[in-house]
């Protein structure tokens, strides 16, 4: 049997109206499935008309305008249902799901399901819980003393993965998947014997430790910015009284 990083993997990515998982909206999403490193990836793309203004700053990142989305996008509710079902299908098939900075994309998807479907990601998945591999968390744990940023672009450069058309959901998902494969090969000795399910559990611990370290750094620098330790999904905020 090949190691998991040479076997079937899926990857998920979104483009959004901003970086606030509680209030921003998904405008595009992509799911990539690849059975082996040499097989062609199968790509599913979704384009959403969120029904809200698209900030210029967001359009500058992903190139999607309100006019384009109004013309080519679909209404959120049915698309979000399709996305959730597609992610659940990966769990049923036993494919780990690569999500770069998973707490952002998965939490935003969860909030969108709540907004448009009166549901949640957990409810949509049912008993088929995701097995997530987050290249950001894995890289920070396995190569923790390396200096520099760890965006997807940075990780692609470090692991010699080609990234074309950055900030297009499918392109980013393909790149993240290839980074995880490259990371698996580079740290094969340290990952020996660890299967994706165990890595999922450990990443929650590693991310929490990374969040505490970042929070301490913010405190020393006088920046009162909170860092959420939850992974791969942030808990819902308590309802207002």
Protein backbone atom coordinates (compact mmCIF):
# COMPACT_ATOMS: atom_id res chain seq x y z
CA UNK A 1 0.00 0.00 0.00
CA UNK A 2 1.36 3.45 -0.86
CA UNK A 3 1.62 6.04 1.91
CA UNK A 4 -1.38 8.31 2.28
CA UNK A 5 0.39 11.23 0.59
CA UNK A 6 0.71 9.14 -2.59
CA UNK A 7 -2.89 7.96 -2.42
CA UNK A 8 -6.32 9.52 -2.99
CA UNK A 9 -6.72 13.09 -1.72
CA UNK A 10 -9.28 15.84 -2.17
CA UNK A 11 -8.87 19.57 -1.66
CA UNK A 12 -11.31 22.41 -1.04
CA UNK A 13 -10.98 26.17 -1.33
CA UNK A 14 -13.19 29.26 -1.42
CA UNK A 15 -13.01 32.86 -2.54
CA UNK A 16 -15.00 35.33 -0.49
CA UNK A 17 -16.15 38.90 0.05
CA UNK A 18 -13.69 39.33 2.93
CA UNK A 19 -11.97 37.70 5.90
CA UNK A 20 -14.71 37.84 8.55
CA UNK A 21 -16.03 34.29 8.84
CA UNK A 22 -19.13 35.45 10.72
CA UNK A 23 -20.34 37.99 8.19
CA UNK A 24 -18.57 37.65 4.84
CA UNK A 25 -19.88 35.51 1.98
CA UNK A 26 -18.55 32.84 -0.36
CA UNK A 27 -18.46 33.89 -4.00
CA UNK A 28 -16.70 30.87 -5.47
CA UNK A 29 -15.63 27.43 -4.32
CA UNK A 30 -13.82 24.45 -5.77
CA UNK A 31 -13.35 20.80 -4.92
CA UNK A 32 -10.41 18.91 -6.40
CA UNK A 33 -10.09 15.11 -6.30
CA UNK A 34 -6.89 13.31 -7.27
CA UNK A 35 -6.39 9.57 -6.88
CA UNK A 36 -2.59 9.50 -7.29
CA UNK A 37 0.13 12.14 -7.75
CA UNK A 38 0.27 11.32 -11.47
CA UNK A 39 -3.45 11.23 -12.20
CA UNK A 40 -5.29 14.22 -13.58
CA UNK A 41 -7.28 16.07 -10.91
CA UNK A 42 -11.05 16.13 -11.22
CA UNK A 43 -12.31 19.63 -10.52
CA UNK A 44 -15.76 20.85 -9.53
CA UNK A 45 -16.30 24.61 -9.46
CA UNK A 46 -19.15 26.65 -8.01
CA UNK A 47 -19.86 30.33 -8.63
CA UNK A 48 -22.23 32.10 -6.23
CA UNK A 49 -24.14 35.35 -6.52
CA UNK A 50 -24.18 36.32 -2.82
CA UNK A 51 -26.73 39.07 -3.29
CA UNK A 52 -24.50 41.63 -1.54
CA UNK A 53 -21.95 44.17 -2.68
CA UNK A 54 -18.47 42.85 -3.41
CA UNK A 55 -15.86 45.10 -1.77
CA UNK A 56 -13.26 46.47 -4.14
CA UNK A 57 -10.52 45.00 -1.95
CA UNK A 58 -12.00 41.51 -2.41
CA UNK A 59 -12.36 41.94 -6.17
CA UNK A 60 -8.73 43.06 -6.30
CA UNK A 61 -7.77 39.68 -4.82
CA UNK A 62 -9.91 37.23 -6.81
CA UNK A 63 -11.12 39.33 -9.74
CA UNK A 64 -14.83 38.58 -9.24
CA UNK A 65 -17.18 41.55 -9.50
CA UNK A 66 -20.82 41.90 -8.49
CA UNK A 67 -21.81 42.25 -12.17
CA UNK A 68 -19.98 39.05 -13.13
CA UNK A 69 -21.51 37.12 -10.25
CA UNK A 70 -24.99 38.45 -11.00
CA UNK A 71 -24.63 37.23 -14.59
CA UNK A 72 -22.88 33.90 -14.03
CA UNK A 73 -23.38 32.99 -10.37
CA UNK A 74 -26.15 30.94 -8.81
CA UNK A 75 -28.15 31.68 -5.69
CA UNK A 76 -26.37 30.56 -2.51
CA UNK A 77 -28.80 28.04 -0.96
CA UNK A 78 -28.69 25.26 -3.59
CA UNK A 79 -24.97 25.76 -4.21
CA UNK A 80 -24.11 25.47 -0.52
CA UNK A 81 -26.16 22.27 -0.32
CA UNK A 82 -24.18 20.87 -3.26
CA UNK A 83 -20.87 21.87 -1.69
CA UNK A 84 -21.72 20.24 1.65
CA UNK A 85 -22.83 17.04 -0.07
CA UNK A 86 -19.65 16.98 -2.16
CA UNK A 87 -17.50 17.30 0.96
CA UNK A 88 -19.47 14.55 2.71
CA UNK A 89 -18.90 12.32 -0.32
CA UNK A 90 -15.15 12.63 0.19
CA UNK A 91 -15.51 11.35 3.73
CA UNK A 92 -17.68 8.46 2.57
CA UNK A 93 -15.03 7.61 -0.03
CA UNK A 94 -12.28 7.71 2.60
CA UNK A 95 -10.43 10.61 0.98
CA UNK A 96 -8.70 13.07 3.31
CA UNK A 97 -9.65 16.68 2.53
CA UNK A 98 -6.85 19.20 2.13
CA UNK A 99 -7.90 22.69 3.24
CA UNK A 100 -5.34 25.47 3.54
CA UNK A 101 -6.09 27.41 6.75
CA UNK A 102 -9.09 25.16 7.36
CA UNK A 103 -10.70 27.24 10.17
CA UNK A 104 -11.34 30.02 7.67
CA UNK A 105 -12.90 28.12 4.75
CA UNK A 106 -14.78 25.53 6.79
CA UNK A 107 -16.11 28.02 9.34
CA UNK A 108 -17.28 30.37 6.61
CA UNK A 109 -19.00 27.47 4.86
CA UNK A 110 -20.65 26.51 8.16
CA UNK A 111 -21.96 30.06 8.66
CA UNK A 112 -23.21 30.25 5.09
CA UNK A 113 -25.12 27.00 5.59
CA UNK A 114 -26.65 28.48 8.73
CA UNK A 115 -27.53 31.69 6.88
CA UNK A 116 -29.05 30.16 3.76
CA UNK A 117 -30.08 26.63 4.77
CA UNK A 118 -30.82 26.98 8.51
CA UNK A 119 -28.29 24.17 8.87
CA UNK A 120 -24.61 23.70 9.69
CA UNK A 121 -21.61 21.91 8.26
CA UNK A 122 -21.86 19.25 10.95
CA UNK A 123 -25.55 18.65 10.20
CA UNK A 124 -24.86 18.50 6.48
CA UNK A 125 -22.11 15.93 6.98
CA UNK A 126 -24.14 13.80 9.38
CA UNK A 127 -22.14 10.80 10.52
CA UNK A 128 -19.54 11.33 7.78
CA UNK A 129 -17.09 13.61 9.53
CA UNK A 130 -14.26 15.13 7.54
CA UNK A 131 -10.65 14.05 7.82
CA UNK A 132 -8.82 17.33 7.21
CA UNK A 133 -5.18 17.93 6.29
CA UNK A 134 -4.17 21.57 6.65
CA UNK A 135 -0.83 22.35 4.99
CA UNK A 136 -0.41 25.48 7.09
CA UNK A 137 -0.73 23.60 10.38
CA UNK A 138 1.37 20.66 9.19
CA UNK A 139 4.16 22.87 7.89
CA UNK A 140 4.27 25.02 11.04
CA UNK A 141 4.56 21.92 13.20
CA UNK A 142 7.01 19.93 11.09
CA UNK A 143 9.28 22.88 10.25
CA UNK A 144 8.50 25.18 13.15
CA UNK A 145 11.80 27.08 13.27
CA UNK A 146 11.81 28.16 9.62
CA UNK A 147 11.52 31.93 9.37
CA UNK A 148 9.18 33.72 7.03
CA UNK A 149 5.51 33.76 6.14
CA UNK A 150 3.47 30.64 5.45
CA UNK A 151 0.81 31.70 3.01
CA UNK A 152 -0.08 29.30 0.22
CA UNK A 153 2.19 31.23 -2.12
CA UNK A 154 5.06 30.92 0.37
CA UNK A 155 4.47 27.20 0.87
CA UNK A 156 4.36 26.61 -2.87
CA UNK A 157 7.70 28.35 -3.27
CA UNK A 158 9.23 26.42 -0.38
CA UNK A 159 8.01 22.99 -1.54
CA UNK A 160 8.60 23.77 -5.24
CA UNK A 161 4.95 23.52 -6.22
CA UNK A 162 3.75 25.52 -9.20
CA UNK A 163 0.95 27.96 -8.41
CA UNK A 164 -0.72 29.54 -11.40
CA UNK A 165 -3.71 31.87 -11.20
CA UNK A 166 -3.43 32.38 -7.43
CA UNK A 167 -6.68 33.27 -5.64
CA UNK A 168 -8.76 31.28 -8.08
CA UNK A 169 -10.41 28.62 -5.94
CA UNK A 170 -9.56 25.60 -8.09
CA UNK A 171 -5.97 26.70 -8.67
CA UNK A 172 -5.44 27.25 -4.95
CA UNK A 173 -7.00 23.88 -4.09
CA UNK A 174 -4.78 22.04 -6.58
CA UNK A 175 -1.70 23.83 -5.22
CA UNK A 176 -2.60 23.06 -1.59
CA UNK A 177 -3.10 19.39 -2.45
CA UNK A 178 0.32 19.23 -4.13
CA UNK A 179 1.95 20.99 -1.18
CA UNK A 180 0.58 18.31 1.16
CA UNK A 181 1.95 15.57 -1.09
CA UNK A 182 5.36 17.29 -1.18
CA UNK A 183 5.29 17.87 2.56
CA UNK A 184 4.48 14.21 3.13
CA UNK A 185 7.51 13.13 1.12
CA UNK A 186 9.84 15.62 2.78
CA UNK A 187 8.85 14.59 6.30
CA UNK A 188 8.13 10.93 5.57
CA UNK A 189 10.36 9.73 8.41
CA UNK A 190 8.52 11.84 10.98
CA UNK A 191 5.10 10.96 9.58
CA UNK A 192 5.81 7.23 9.38
CA UNK A 193 2.92 5.27 10.79
CA UNK A 194 0.64 8.30 11.14
CA UNK A 195 -2.53 7.87 9.14
CA UNK A 196 -4.72 10.84 8.10
CA UNK A 197 -7.26 10.22 10.87
CA UNK A 198 -4.58 10.43 13.52
CA UNK A 199 -3.07 13.46 11.82
CA UNK A 200 -6.48 15.15 11.92
CA UNK A 201 -6.61 14.68 15.69
CA UNK A 202 -3.04 15.85 16.18
CA UNK A 203 -3.50 18.94 14.03
CA UNK A 204 -6.18 20.18 16.40
CA UNK A 205 -3.59 19.99 19.21
CA UNK A 206 -0.81 21.50 17.10
CA UNK A 207 -3.02 24.37 15.91
CA UNK A 208 -4.05 25.19 19.48
CA UNK A 209 -0.39 25.35 20.51
CA UNK A 210 0.43 27.50 17.48
CA UNK A 211 -2.44 29.83 18.36
CA UNK A 212 -1.20 30.19 21.94
CA UNK A 213 2.27 31.05 20.68
CA UNK A 214 0.90 33.65 18.29
CA UNK A 215 -1.32 35.09 21.02
CA UNK A 216 1.73 35.43 23.29
CA UNK A 217 3.65 37.15 20.52
CA UNK A 218 0.78 39.61 20.00
CA UNK A 219 0.72 40.30 23.75
CA UNK A 220 4.45 41.03 23.80
CA UNK A 221 4.11 43.36 20.83
CA UNK A 222 1.17 45.20 22.39
CA UNK A 223 -1.36 44.03 19.82
CA UNK A 224 -4.68 43.02 21.47
CA UNK A 225 -5.65 40.71 18.61
CA UNK A 226 -7.39 37.47 19.68
CA UNK A 227 -6.29 34.20 18.09
CA UNK A 228 -8.87 31.42 17.95
CA UNK A 229 -7.36 28.05 18.94
CA UNK A 230 -10.13 25.90 17.41
CA UNK A 231 -9.42 23.71 14.39
CA UNK A 232 -10.67 22.78 11.80
CA UNK A 233 -13.91 24.62 12.64
CA UNK A 234 -14.52 27.53 14.94
CA UNK A 235 -17.50 27.17 17.26
CA UNK A 236 -20.56 29.26 16.58
CA UNK A 237 -20.77 32.50 18.48
CA UNK A 238 -23.36 32.52 21.29
CA UNK A 239 -26.68 33.98 20.28
CA UNK A 240 -27.44 37.46 21.48
CA UNK A 241 -29.65 37.60 24.57
